[in-house]
Amino acid sequence: MGLRSFIAASTRRSTSWAANGGRKLQAAFAVAMESIDERRKITNRHGFYTMRMGNSLERWRMDTVLTKEPETIDWLDRTIESGSVFYDVGANIGVYSLYALHIHPGSVSAVCFEPEALNFARLNQNLNDNGFSERATPFAIGLGTGDAVIDFRLKGLQAGGALHGDRHVPPGQHQHRQGLVIKSLDAVLAAAPGLPRPTHLKIDVDGPELDILRGAGETLRMDSLRHLLVELEQNEREEADGLLAEFGFKPVLEGRLEGTMRNVIYRKDAP
């Protein structure tokens, strides 16, 4: 029996103690379960990889890898090939970078951008656990239209969390704050000529997607980049379509509407 299973079983057995002060013990078990770092196997049509789980958010991300955004999984299944280079902007703990990397082990590369500190740490652990350290390059920076240094407000401090920053966390309602360096994607690539050039670009950052596109003109113009997925607000769609059309990208598929946002998949024809 694994440690988490043992604790879960012990918690169930402690239920009968609840009326006699067992609630404190149950609370202690719950805290203990939140602190366990367990590796779980994610099995799919290509094989499997592992992810670490230490809290309920990470469990949810693992449980919904194939179902939360089915259009993203289908996009990767259809378009990732041997030699593909997947740029993951808003990588979180690595859900989609890990999936892309394991489709063709040893022949797909990833460049990941994740600014939140705990997500970035977990992203690196997950990449290393699966032997992807030499195939992936993670950056702990944010992307935007240009250079900036900002105060980044965090809604919570749990790996797997999201919806941070000014758009989601009003002043005074943050649990924590960190400094954040912002660069444009074009500037990153200009400063790092050794980075592999993207064939795929996913942007899911809970708000500033258009700013990232505006700062990526030279990247979007690259012949290598033909596949793009962006999460967009409904009222941003027209502007995004127009901006991307200048670089030859056409929308080919939409994900389901979640609130006021949905994923939009674009494709550029081969030169």
Protein backbone atom coordinates (compact mmCIF):
# COMPACT_ATOMS: atom_id res chain seq x y z
CA MET A 1 0.00 0.00 0.00
CA GLY A 2 1.35 3.45 -0.96
CA LEU A 3 1.72 6.14 1.67
CA ARG A 4 -1.22 8.17 0.34
CA SER A 5 -3.42 5.05 0.24
CA PHE A 6 -2.39 4.19 3.81
CA ILE A 7 -3.28 7.66 5.04
CA ALA A 8 -6.58 7.61 3.17
CA ALA A 9 -7.47 4.24 4.72
CA SER A 10 -6.47 5.47 8.15
CA THR A 11 -8.63 8.54 7.67
CA ARG A 12 -11.63 6.37 6.85
CA ARG A 13 -11.04 4.27 9.95
CA SER A 14 -10.87 7.41 12.05
CA THR A 15 -14.41 8.44 11.11
CA SER A 16 -15.88 6.60 14.08
CA TRP A 17 -13.67 8.68 16.36
CA ALA A 18 -15.13 11.95 15.10
CA ALA A 19 -17.76 12.23 17.86
CA ASN A 20 -15.05 11.82 20.49
CA GLY A 21 -12.51 14.36 19.31
CA GLY A 22 -11.45 12.51 16.18
CA ARG A 23 -12.09 15.57 14.01
CA LYS A 24 -8.72 17.03 14.92
CA LEU A 25 -7.06 13.80 13.87
CA GLN A 26 -8.94 13.83 10.59
CA ALA A 27 -7.83 17.39 9.99
CA ALA A 28 -4.24 16.36 10.64
CA PHE A 29 -4.58 13.53 8.13
CA ALA A 30 -5.96 15.97 5.55
CA VAL A 31 -2.98 18.28 6.04
CA ALA A 32 -0.63 15.31 5.75
CA MET A 33 -2.23 14.23 2.48
CA GLU A 34 -1.81 17.74 1.05
CA SER A 35 1.93 17.60 1.82
CA ILE A 36 2.66 14.24 0.16
CA ASP A 37 4.52 14.39 -3.13
CA GLU A 38 3.23 11.39 -5.06
CA ARG A 39 4.10 10.54 -8.66
CA ARG A 40 1.18 9.31 -10.73
CA LYS A 41 1.20 7.70 -14.14
CA ILE A 42 -0.75 9.37 -16.96
CA THR A 43 -1.65 6.66 -19.49
CA ASN A 44 -2.90 7.44 -22.99
CA ARG A 45 -2.77 6.24 -26.59
CA HIS A 46 0.95 7.03 -26.91
CA GLY A 47 2.09 5.31 -23.72
CA PHE A 48 2.52 7.07 -20.40
CA TYR A 49 4.41 9.71 -18.44
CA THR A 50 4.27 10.75 -14.80
CA MET A 51 3.29 13.87 -12.92
CA ARG A 52 3.78 14.81 -9.29
CA MET A 53 0.78 15.40 -7.08
CA GLY A 54 0.93 17.21 -3.76
CA ASN A 55 -2.42 18.96 -3.55
CA SER A 56 -5.99 18.86 -4.83
CA LEU A 57 -5.32 21.26 -7.72
CA GLU A 58 -2.59 19.03 -9.09
CA ARG A 59 -4.86 16.00 -8.67
CA TRP A 60 -7.55 17.80 -10.68
CA ARG A 61 -5.09 18.69 -13.45
CA MET A 62 -3.95 15.06 -13.66
CA ASP A 63 -7.49 13.71 -13.66
CA THR A 64 -8.56 16.05 -16.48
CA VAL A 65 -5.50 15.92 -18.77
CA LEU A 66 -7.49 14.29 -21.57
CA THR A 67 -10.89 15.87 -20.91
CA LYS A 68 -10.47 19.48 -19.79
CA GLU A 69 -9.41 20.71 -23.23
CA PRO A 70 -10.08 17.88 -25.69
CA GLU A 71 -9.35 20.19 -28.62
CA THR A 72 -5.82 20.78 -27.28
CA ILE A 73 -5.11 17.05 -26.96
CA ASP A 74 -6.54 16.41 -30.44
CA TRP A 75 -4.44 19.28 -31.87
CA LEU A 76 -1.27 17.80 -30.39
CA ASP A 77 -2.17 14.27 -31.49
CA ARG A 78 -2.75 15.41 -35.08
CA THR A 79 0.11 17.84 -35.56
CA ILE A 80 3.06 16.94 -33.33
CA GLU A 81 5.62 15.03 -35.39
CA SER A 82 9.16 13.85 -34.95
CA GLY A 83 11.25 17.03 -34.81
CA SER A 84 8.42 19.30 -33.66
CA VAL A 85 9.23 22.17 -31.27
CA PHE A 86 6.41 23.05 -28.89
CA TYR A 87 6.41 26.53 -27.29
CA ASP A 88 4.16 26.46 -24.23
CA VAL A 89 3.34 29.95 -22.95
CA GLY A 90 1.56 29.60 -19.63
CA ALA A 91 2.90 26.09 -19.05
CA ASN A 92 1.66 25.82 -15.45
CA ILE A 93 2.99 22.49 -14.08
CA GLY A 94 3.63 21.10 -17.58
CA VAL A 95 0.35 19.39 -18.47
CA TYR A 96 0.60 19.94 -22.23
CA SER A 97 4.38 20.18 -22.54
CA LEU A 98 4.70 16.71 -21.02
CA TYR A 99 2.01 15.36 -23.36
CA ALA A 100 3.69 16.84 -26.45
CA LEU A 101 7.15 15.63 -25.43
CA HIS A 102 6.07 12.05 -24.88
CA ILE A 103 4.29 11.64 -28.25
CA HIS A 104 7.65 11.06 -29.98
CA PRO A 105 10.12 10.48 -27.11
CA GLY A 106 13.56 11.85 -27.82
CA SER A 107 12.59 13.73 -30.98
CA VAL A 108 10.23 16.50 -29.78
CA SER A 109 11.49 19.62 -27.99
CA ALA A 110 9.68 22.12 -25.78
CA VAL A 111 10.30 25.68 -24.64
CA CYS A 112 8.13 26.51 -21.63
CA PHE A 113 7.23 29.85 -20.05
CA GLU A 114 5.71 29.89 -16.56
CA PRO A 115 6.11 32.90 -14.27
CA GLU A 116 4.46 31.67 -11.04
CA ALA A 117 7.13 30.36 -8.65
CA LEU A 118 5.53 27.13 -7.40
CA ASN A 119 4.22 26.17 -10.82
CA PHE A 120 7.68 26.73 -12.28
CA ALA A 121 9.31 24.52 -9.65
CA ARG A 122 6.82 21.73 -10.27
CA LEU A 123 7.17 22.11 -14.05
CA ASN A 124 10.90 21.49 -13.72
CA GLN A 125 10.39 18.48 -11.45
CA ASN A 126 7.91 16.92 -13.86
CA LEU A 127 10.20 17.45 -16.84
CA ASN A 128 13.15 15.96 -14.97
CA ASP A 129 11.18 12.98 -13.64
CA ASN A 130 10.33 11.95 -17.20
CA GLY A 131 13.82 12.34 -18.61
CA PHE A 132 12.95 15.47 -20.60
CA SER A 133 15.59 17.79 -19.12
CA GLU A 134 17.64 17.76 -22.33
CA ARG A 135 14.60 18.22 -24.56
CA ALA A 136 12.90 21.09 -22.71
CA THR A 137 13.97 24.61 -21.74
CA PRO A 138 11.81 26.25 -19.04
CA PHE A 139 11.83 30.02 -18.44
CA ALA A 140 10.51 31.68 -15.25
CA ILE A 141 9.43 34.87 -17.02
CA GLY A 142 6.24 36.37 -18.37
CA LEU A 143 5.73 37.36 -21.99
CA GLY A 144 4.18 40.56 -23.31
CA THR A 145 4.66 43.40 -25.79
CA GLY A 146 8.08 44.41 -24.48
CA ASP A 147 10.41 44.68 -21.50
CA ALA A 148 8.93 45.37 -18.07
CA VAL A 149 9.31 44.49 -14.41
CA ILE A 150 6.01 44.23 -12.55
CA ASP A 151 4.48 43.36 -9.20
CA PHE A 152 2.74 40.02 -9.75
CA ARG A 153 -0.13 39.33 -7.34
CA LEU A 154 -0.89 35.67 -6.61
CA LYS A 155 -4.35 34.44 -5.69
CA GLY A 156 -2.87 31.47 -3.83
CA LEU A 157 0.30 29.51 -3.22
CA GLN A 158 -0.32 26.05 -4.59
CA ALA A 159 1.32 24.30 -7.50
CA GLY A 160 -1.28 23.90 -10.25
CA GLY A 161 -2.93 27.23 -9.46
CA ALA A 162 -3.90 29.83 -12.05
CA LEU A 163 -5.79 33.13 -12.49
CA HIS A 164 -3.08 35.29 -10.95
CA GLY A 165 -2.12 38.87 -11.75
CA ASP A 166 -3.89 42.23 -12.00
CA ARG A 167 -6.83 41.00 -14.07
CA HIS A 168 -7.87 38.41 -11.49
CA VAL A 169 -6.47 39.55 -8.12
CA PRO A 170 -7.45 43.06 -6.97
CA PRO A 171 -5.00 45.04 -4.81
CA GLY A 172 -5.05 43.86 -1.24
CA GLN A 173 -6.71 40.53 -2.05
CA HIS A 174 -3.57 38.56 -2.87
CA GLN A 175 -2.12 35.81 -0.74
CA HIS A 176 1.39 36.58 -1.92
CA ARG A 177 3.20 38.77 -4.41
CA GLN A 178 6.38 38.28 -6.40
CA GLY A 179 8.43 40.30 -8.81
CA LEU A 180 8.06 39.36 -12.46
CA VAL A 181 10.25 40.12 -15.47
CA ILE A 182 8.35 40.53 -18.74
CA LYS A 183 9.92 40.10 -22.18
CA SER A 184 8.51 39.88 -25.67
CA LEU A 185 8.81 36.49 -27.34
CA ASP A 186 10.72 38.14 -30.18
CA ALA A 187 13.25 39.53 -27.68
CA VAL A 188 13.73 36.12 -26.05
CA LEU A 189 14.45 34.47 -29.39
CA ALA A 190 16.76 37.29 -30.48
CA ALA A 191 18.75 36.96 -27.24
CA ALA A 192 18.89 33.14 -27.43
CA PRO A 193 19.82 32.14 -30.98
CA GLY A 194 20.53 28.61 -29.78
CA LEU A 195 16.91 27.94 -28.87
CA PRO A 196 15.10 25.72 -31.36
CA ARG A 197 12.61 27.68 -33.44
CA PRO A 198 8.94 26.84 -32.84
CA THR A 199 6.73 24.68 -35.00
CA HIS A 200 3.87 24.97 -32.47
CA LEU A 201 2.88 27.82 -30.17
CA LYS A 202 0.30 27.53 -27.38
CA ILE A 203 -0.67 30.68 -25.45
CA ASP A 204 -2.90 30.31 -22.40
CA VAL A 205 -2.11 32.96 -19.78
CA ASP A 206 -5.50 34.00 -18.40
CA GLY A 207 -5.66 37.46 -19.94
CA PRO A 208 -2.71 39.03 -21.79
CA GLU A 209 -2.76 36.73 -24.83
CA LEU A 210 -3.13 39.62 -27.30
CA ASP A 211 -0.14 41.43 -25.75
CA ILE A 212 1.94 38.30 -26.28
CA LEU A 213 0.88 38.08 -29.92
CA ARG A 214 1.70 41.76 -30.43
CA GLY A 215 5.20 41.11 -29.10
CA ALA A 216 5.75 38.09 -31.34
CA GLY A 217 5.63 39.49 -34.87
CA GLU A 218 9.01 38.12 -35.94
CA THR A 219 8.20 34.76 -34.37
CA LEU A 220 4.84 34.52 -36.12
CA ARG A 221 6.57 35.30 -39.41
CA MET A 222 8.91 32.28 -39.10
CA ASP A 223 8.37 29.59 -41.74
CA SER A 224 8.84 26.92 -39.08
CA LEU A 225 5.79 28.08 -37.09
CA ARG A 226 2.59 26.73 -38.63
CA HIS A 227 0.48 25.64 -35.68
CA LEU A 228 -0.98 28.03 -33.09
CA LEU A 229 -3.47 27.66 -30.23
CA VAL A 230 -4.58 30.74 -28.28
CA GLU A 231 -7.10 31.13 -25.49
CA LEU A 232 -9.13 34.26 -26.28
CA GLU A 233 -11.91 36.32 -24.79
CA GLN A 234 -14.91 36.51 -27.12
CA ASN A 235 -14.43 40.26 -27.55
CA GLU A 236 -10.77 39.72 -28.59
CA ARG A 237 -11.47 37.29 -31.39
CA GLU A 238 -11.85 39.78 -34.24
CA GLU A 239 -8.63 41.59 -33.35
CA ALA A 240 -6.73 38.32 -32.98
CA ASP A 241 -7.97 37.01 -36.32
CA GLY A 242 -6.92 40.22 -38.05
CA LEU A 243 -3.49 40.31 -36.42
CA LEU A 244 -2.75 36.67 -37.22
CA ALA A 245 -4.02 36.94 -40.80
CA GLU A 246 -1.13 39.34 -41.48
CA PHE A 247 1.20 36.39 -40.89
CA GLY A 248 -0.82 33.86 -42.88
CA PHE A 249 -2.67 32.19 -39.99
CA LYS A 250 -6.29 31.13 -40.45
CA PRO A 251 -8.63 29.83 -37.74
CA VAL A 252 -9.42 26.15 -38.24
CA LEU A 253 -11.10 25.04 -34.99
CA GLU A 254 -12.70 26.44 -31.85
CA GLY A 255 -12.89 24.86 -28.42
CA ARG A 256 -15.96 24.98 -26.25
CA LEU A 257 -16.86 28.27 -24.60
CA GLU A 258 -15.78 28.43 -20.94
CA GLY A 259 -17.35 31.55 -19.46
CA THR A 260 -16.26 34.24 -21.91
CA MET A 261 -13.15 32.47 -23.21
CA ARG A 262 -12.38 29.65 -25.62
CA ASN A 263 -9.37 28.12 -27.32
CA VAL A 264 -8.96 28.98 -30.99
CA ILE A 265 -6.65 26.90 -33.20
CA TYR A 266 -4.95 28.54 -36.17
CA ARG A 267 -2.86 27.11 -38.99
CA LYS A 268 -0.48 28.61 -41.52
CA ASP A 269 0.10 26.90 -44.86
CA ALA A 270 3.59 25.65 -45.65
CA PRO A 271 5.68 28.12 -47.66
